[in-house]
N, C-alpha and C. Protein backbone atom coordinates (compact mmCIF):
# COMPACT_ATOMS: atom_id res chain seq x y z
N MET A 1 -4.69 312.43 143.25
CA MET A 1 -3.96 313.08 142.18
C MET A 1 -3.77 312.15 140.98
N ASP A 2 -3.75 310.90 141.23
CA ASP A 2 -3.52 309.95 140.15
C ASP A 2 -4.65 310.00 139.12
N LEU A 3 -5.90 310.05 139.57
CA LEU A 3 -7.04 310.12 138.67
C LEU A 3 -7.07 311.45 137.95
N LYS A 4 -6.72 312.51 138.65
CA LYS A 4 -6.69 313.85 138.05
C LYS A 4 -5.66 313.91 136.93
N ASP A 5 -4.50 313.32 137.14
CA ASP A 5 -3.44 313.29 136.12
C ASP A 5 -3.88 312.52 134.88
N LYS A 6 -4.61 311.41 135.10
CA LYS A 6 -5.09 310.62 133.97
C LYS A 6 -6.12 311.42 133.15
N ILE A 7 -7.00 312.10 133.85
CA ILE A 7 -8.02 312.91 133.16
C ILE A 7 -7.36 314.03 132.38
N VAL A 8 -6.41 314.71 132.97
CA VAL A 8 -5.69 315.80 132.27
C VAL A 8 -4.92 315.23 131.09
N GLY A 9 -4.30 314.08 131.26
CA GLY A 9 -3.56 313.44 130.18
C GLY A 9 -4.47 313.06 129.02
N LEU A 10 -5.64 312.49 129.33
CA LEU A 10 -6.60 312.13 128.29
C LEU A 10 -7.13 313.37 127.59
N ALA A 11 -7.37 314.42 128.34
CA ALA A 11 -7.84 315.66 127.74
C ALA A 11 -6.79 316.22 126.79
N LEU A 12 -5.53 316.18 127.20
CA LEU A 12 -4.46 316.67 126.33
C LEU A 12 -4.33 315.82 125.07
N VAL A 13 -4.45 314.52 125.23
CA VAL A 13 -4.37 313.63 124.07
C VAL A 13 -5.52 313.93 123.11
N ALA A 14 -6.72 314.10 123.67
CA ALA A 14 -7.88 314.41 122.82
C ALA A 14 -7.68 315.75 122.11
N LEU A 15 -7.17 316.72 122.83
CA LEU A 15 -6.93 318.04 122.23
C LEU A 15 -5.89 317.98 121.12
N ILE A 16 -4.82 317.28 121.36
CA ILE A 16 -3.76 317.16 120.35
C ILE A 16 -4.28 316.41 119.13
N SER A 17 -5.06 315.35 119.35
CA SER A 17 -5.58 314.60 118.19
C SER A 17 -6.58 315.43 117.40
N LEU A 18 -7.40 316.24 118.09
CA LEU A 18 -8.33 317.11 117.37
C LEU A 18 -7.60 318.16 116.56
N VAL A 19 -6.55 318.73 117.12
CA VAL A 19 -5.76 319.72 116.39
C VAL A 19 -5.10 319.08 115.18
N GLY A 20 -4.57 317.87 115.36
CA GLY A 20 -3.95 317.17 114.24
C GLY A 20 -4.96 316.85 113.15
N TRP A 21 -6.14 316.39 113.54
CA TRP A 21 -7.19 316.09 112.56
C TRP A 21 -7.62 317.35 111.83
N ASN A 22 -7.73 318.45 112.58
CA ASN A 22 -8.13 319.72 111.99
C ASN A 22 -7.08 320.19 110.97
N LEU A 23 -5.81 320.05 111.32
CA LEU A 23 -4.75 320.45 110.39
C LEU A 23 -4.78 319.57 109.13
N LYS A 24 -4.99 318.28 109.31
CA LYS A 24 -5.04 317.36 108.16
C LYS A 24 -6.21 317.72 107.25
N THR A 25 -7.36 317.96 107.85
CA THR A 25 -8.56 318.31 107.07
C THR A 25 -8.35 319.64 106.34
N THR A 26 -7.76 320.60 107.03
CA THR A 26 -7.50 321.89 106.41
C THR A 26 -6.55 321.74 105.23
N TRP A 27 -5.52 320.93 105.37
CA TRP A 27 -4.56 320.71 104.29
C TRP A 27 -5.23 320.04 103.09
N GLU A 28 -6.09 319.05 103.37
CA GLU A 28 -6.80 318.37 102.29
C GLU A 28 -7.72 319.34 101.56
N MET A 29 -8.39 320.21 102.31
CA MET A 29 -9.27 321.19 101.68
C MET A 29 -8.47 322.17 100.83
N LYS A 30 -7.30 322.55 101.31
CA LYS A 30 -6.43 323.46 100.55
C LYS A 30 -6.03 322.81 99.23
N GLU A 31 -5.67 321.54 99.28
CA GLU A 31 -5.31 320.83 98.05
C GLU A 31 -6.50 320.75 97.10
N ALA A 32 -7.68 320.49 97.64
CA ALA A 32 -8.87 320.39 96.80
C ALA A 32 -9.18 321.73 96.14
N VAL A 33 -9.06 322.81 96.89
CA VAL A 33 -9.30 324.15 96.33
C VAL A 33 -8.28 324.46 95.26
N PHE A 34 -7.03 324.10 95.48
CA PHE A 34 -5.98 324.33 94.48
C PHE A 34 -6.28 323.57 93.20
N LYS A 35 -6.71 322.32 93.32
CA LYS A 35 -7.05 321.53 92.13
C LYS A 35 -8.23 322.13 91.40
N LEU A 36 -9.22 322.62 92.15
CA LEU A 36 -10.37 323.25 91.52
C LEU A 36 -9.97 324.52 90.78
N GLN A 37 -9.06 325.30 91.36
CA GLN A 37 -8.61 326.52 90.70
C GLN A 37 -7.86 326.19 89.42
N GLN A 38 -7.03 325.16 89.46
CA GLN A 38 -6.32 324.75 88.24
C GLN A 38 -7.31 324.32 87.17
N GLY A 39 -8.31 323.56 87.56
CA GLY A 39 -9.32 323.12 86.61
C GLY A 39 -10.08 324.29 86.04
N GLN A 40 -10.33 325.29 86.85
CA GLN A 40 -11.05 326.47 86.38
C GLN A 40 -10.22 327.22 85.34
N VAL A 41 -8.91 327.32 85.56
CA VAL A 41 -8.05 327.98 84.59
C VAL A 41 -8.06 327.23 83.27
N ILE A 42 -7.96 325.91 83.35
CA ILE A 42 -7.96 325.09 82.13
C ILE A 42 -9.29 325.24 81.40
N LEU A 43 -10.38 325.21 82.15
CA LEU A 43 -11.70 325.35 81.52
C LEU A 43 -11.87 326.72 80.87
N SER A 44 -11.36 327.76 81.51
CA SER A 44 -11.51 329.09 80.90
C SER A 44 -10.69 329.18 79.62
N GLN A 45 -9.52 328.56 79.59
CA GLN A 45 -8.73 328.54 78.36
C GLN A 45 -9.46 327.78 77.26
N GLN A 46 -10.05 326.65 77.60
CA GLN A 46 -10.79 325.88 76.61
C GLN A 46 -12.01 326.66 76.11
N MET A 47 -12.66 327.38 77.02
CA MET A 47 -13.82 328.18 76.60
C MET A 47 -13.39 329.28 75.63
N LYS A 48 -12.26 329.92 75.88
CA LYS A 48 -11.77 330.96 74.98
C LYS A 48 -11.49 330.38 73.59
N LYS A 49 -10.84 329.21 73.58
CA LYS A 49 -10.54 328.57 72.30
C LYS A 49 -11.82 328.23 71.55
N ASN A 50 -12.78 327.67 72.28
CA ASN A 50 -14.04 327.27 71.64
C ASN A 50 -14.82 328.48 71.13
N THR A 51 -14.87 329.55 71.91
CA THR A 51 -15.61 330.73 71.45
C THR A 51 -14.93 331.35 70.24
N ASN A 52 -13.61 331.38 70.23
CA ASN A 52 -12.91 331.91 69.06
C ASN A 52 -13.17 331.06 67.83
N PHE A 53 -13.17 329.75 68.01
CA PHE A 53 -13.45 328.85 66.89
C PHE A 53 -14.87 329.08 66.36
N ILE A 54 -15.82 329.20 67.28
CA ILE A 54 -17.21 329.41 66.87
C ILE A 54 -17.36 330.75 66.16
N LYS A 55 -16.69 331.79 66.66
CA LYS A 55 -16.76 333.10 66.00
C LYS A 55 -16.22 333.03 64.58
N LYS A 56 -15.11 332.30 64.41
CA LYS A 56 -14.54 332.15 63.06
C LYS A 56 -15.52 331.42 62.14
N GLN A 57 -16.12 330.36 62.65
CA GLN A 57 -17.06 329.59 61.83
C GLN A 57 -18.29 330.43 61.46
N VAL A 58 -18.77 331.22 62.40
CA VAL A 58 -19.92 332.08 62.12
C VAL A 58 -19.56 333.12 61.07
N LYS A 59 -18.36 333.69 61.18
CA LYS A 59 -17.92 334.66 60.17
C LYS A 59 -17.86 334.03 58.79
N LYS A 60 -17.33 332.81 58.73
CA LYS A 60 -17.25 332.11 57.44
C LYS A 60 -18.64 331.90 56.86
N LEU A 61 -19.54 331.43 57.70
CA LEU A 61 -20.89 331.15 57.21
C LEU A 61 -21.60 332.43 56.77
N THR A 62 -21.45 333.49 57.52
CA THR A 62 -22.12 334.74 57.14
C THR A 62 -21.51 335.31 55.87
N SER A 63 -20.20 335.19 55.73
CA SER A 63 -19.58 335.71 54.50
C SER A 63 -20.04 334.88 53.29
N ARG A 64 -20.16 333.57 53.46
CA ARG A 64 -20.64 332.72 52.37
C ARG A 64 -22.07 333.07 51.99
N THR A 65 -22.91 333.24 53.01
CA THR A 65 -24.31 333.56 52.70
C THR A 65 -24.42 334.94 52.08
N ASN A 66 -23.59 335.87 52.53
CA ASN A 66 -23.60 337.20 51.92
C ASN A 66 -23.17 337.15 50.46
N LYS A 67 -22.16 336.36 50.18
CA LYS A 67 -21.71 336.20 48.79
C LYS A 67 -22.81 335.58 47.94
N LYS A 68 -23.46 334.55 48.47
CA LYS A 68 -24.54 333.89 47.73
C LYS A 68 -25.69 334.86 47.49
N ASN A 69 -26.00 335.66 48.49
CA ASN A 69 -27.08 336.63 48.34
C ASN A 69 -26.75 337.67 47.28
N LYS A 70 -25.51 338.11 47.23
CA LYS A 70 -25.10 339.10 46.23
C LYS A 70 -25.20 338.50 44.83
N ILE A 71 -24.77 337.26 44.69
CA ILE A 71 -24.83 336.59 43.39
C ILE A 71 -26.28 336.42 42.95
N ASN A 72 -27.13 336.01 43.89
CA ASN A 72 -28.56 335.83 43.57
C ASN A 72 -29.20 337.15 43.19
N LYS A 73 -28.85 338.23 43.85
CA LYS A 73 -29.40 339.54 43.51
C LYS A 73 -28.98 339.96 42.11
N LYS A 74 -27.71 339.71 41.77
CA LYS A 74 -27.23 340.05 40.43
C LYS A 74 -27.98 339.25 39.38
N LYS A 75 -28.21 337.96 39.65
CA LYS A 75 -28.93 337.12 38.70
C LYS A 75 -30.36 337.62 38.52
N LYS A 76 -30.99 338.02 39.60
CA LYS A 76 -32.37 338.52 39.52
C LYS A 76 -32.41 339.82 38.73
N ARG A 77 -31.43 340.68 38.94
CA ARG A 77 -31.39 341.95 38.20
C ARG A 77 -31.23 341.70 36.70
N LYS A 78 -30.35 340.75 36.39
CA LYS A 78 -30.13 340.43 34.98
C LYS A 78 -31.38 339.85 34.35
N SER A 79 -32.06 338.99 35.07
CA SER A 79 -33.28 338.37 34.52
C SER A 79 -34.40 339.41 34.41
N ASN A 80 -34.46 340.37 35.28
CA ASN A 80 -35.48 341.41 35.23
C ASN A 80 -35.19 342.40 34.09
N VAL A 81 -33.95 342.62 33.77
CA VAL A 81 -33.57 343.54 32.72
C VAL A 81 -33.97 342.98 31.37
N LYS A 82 -33.85 341.72 31.16
CA LYS A 82 -34.19 341.10 29.86
C LYS A 82 -35.63 341.15 29.68
């Protein structure tokens, strides 16, 4: 019985240590996933800001080019009329 008790005791110790390691690993993975989700939220906010900025800049450039085109057309019409 003495050897049997030692084997059962070692098996229980191994089982408890595996469960503890599994819980620790699971907790670490949970923390990593949480950090990744936070980073994803921050990145999506930055992407929204950047796309809005780019849209504004594109609007400015297109309005400027449209204004220049209108002025050039008027100049051409005036020169053609003379």
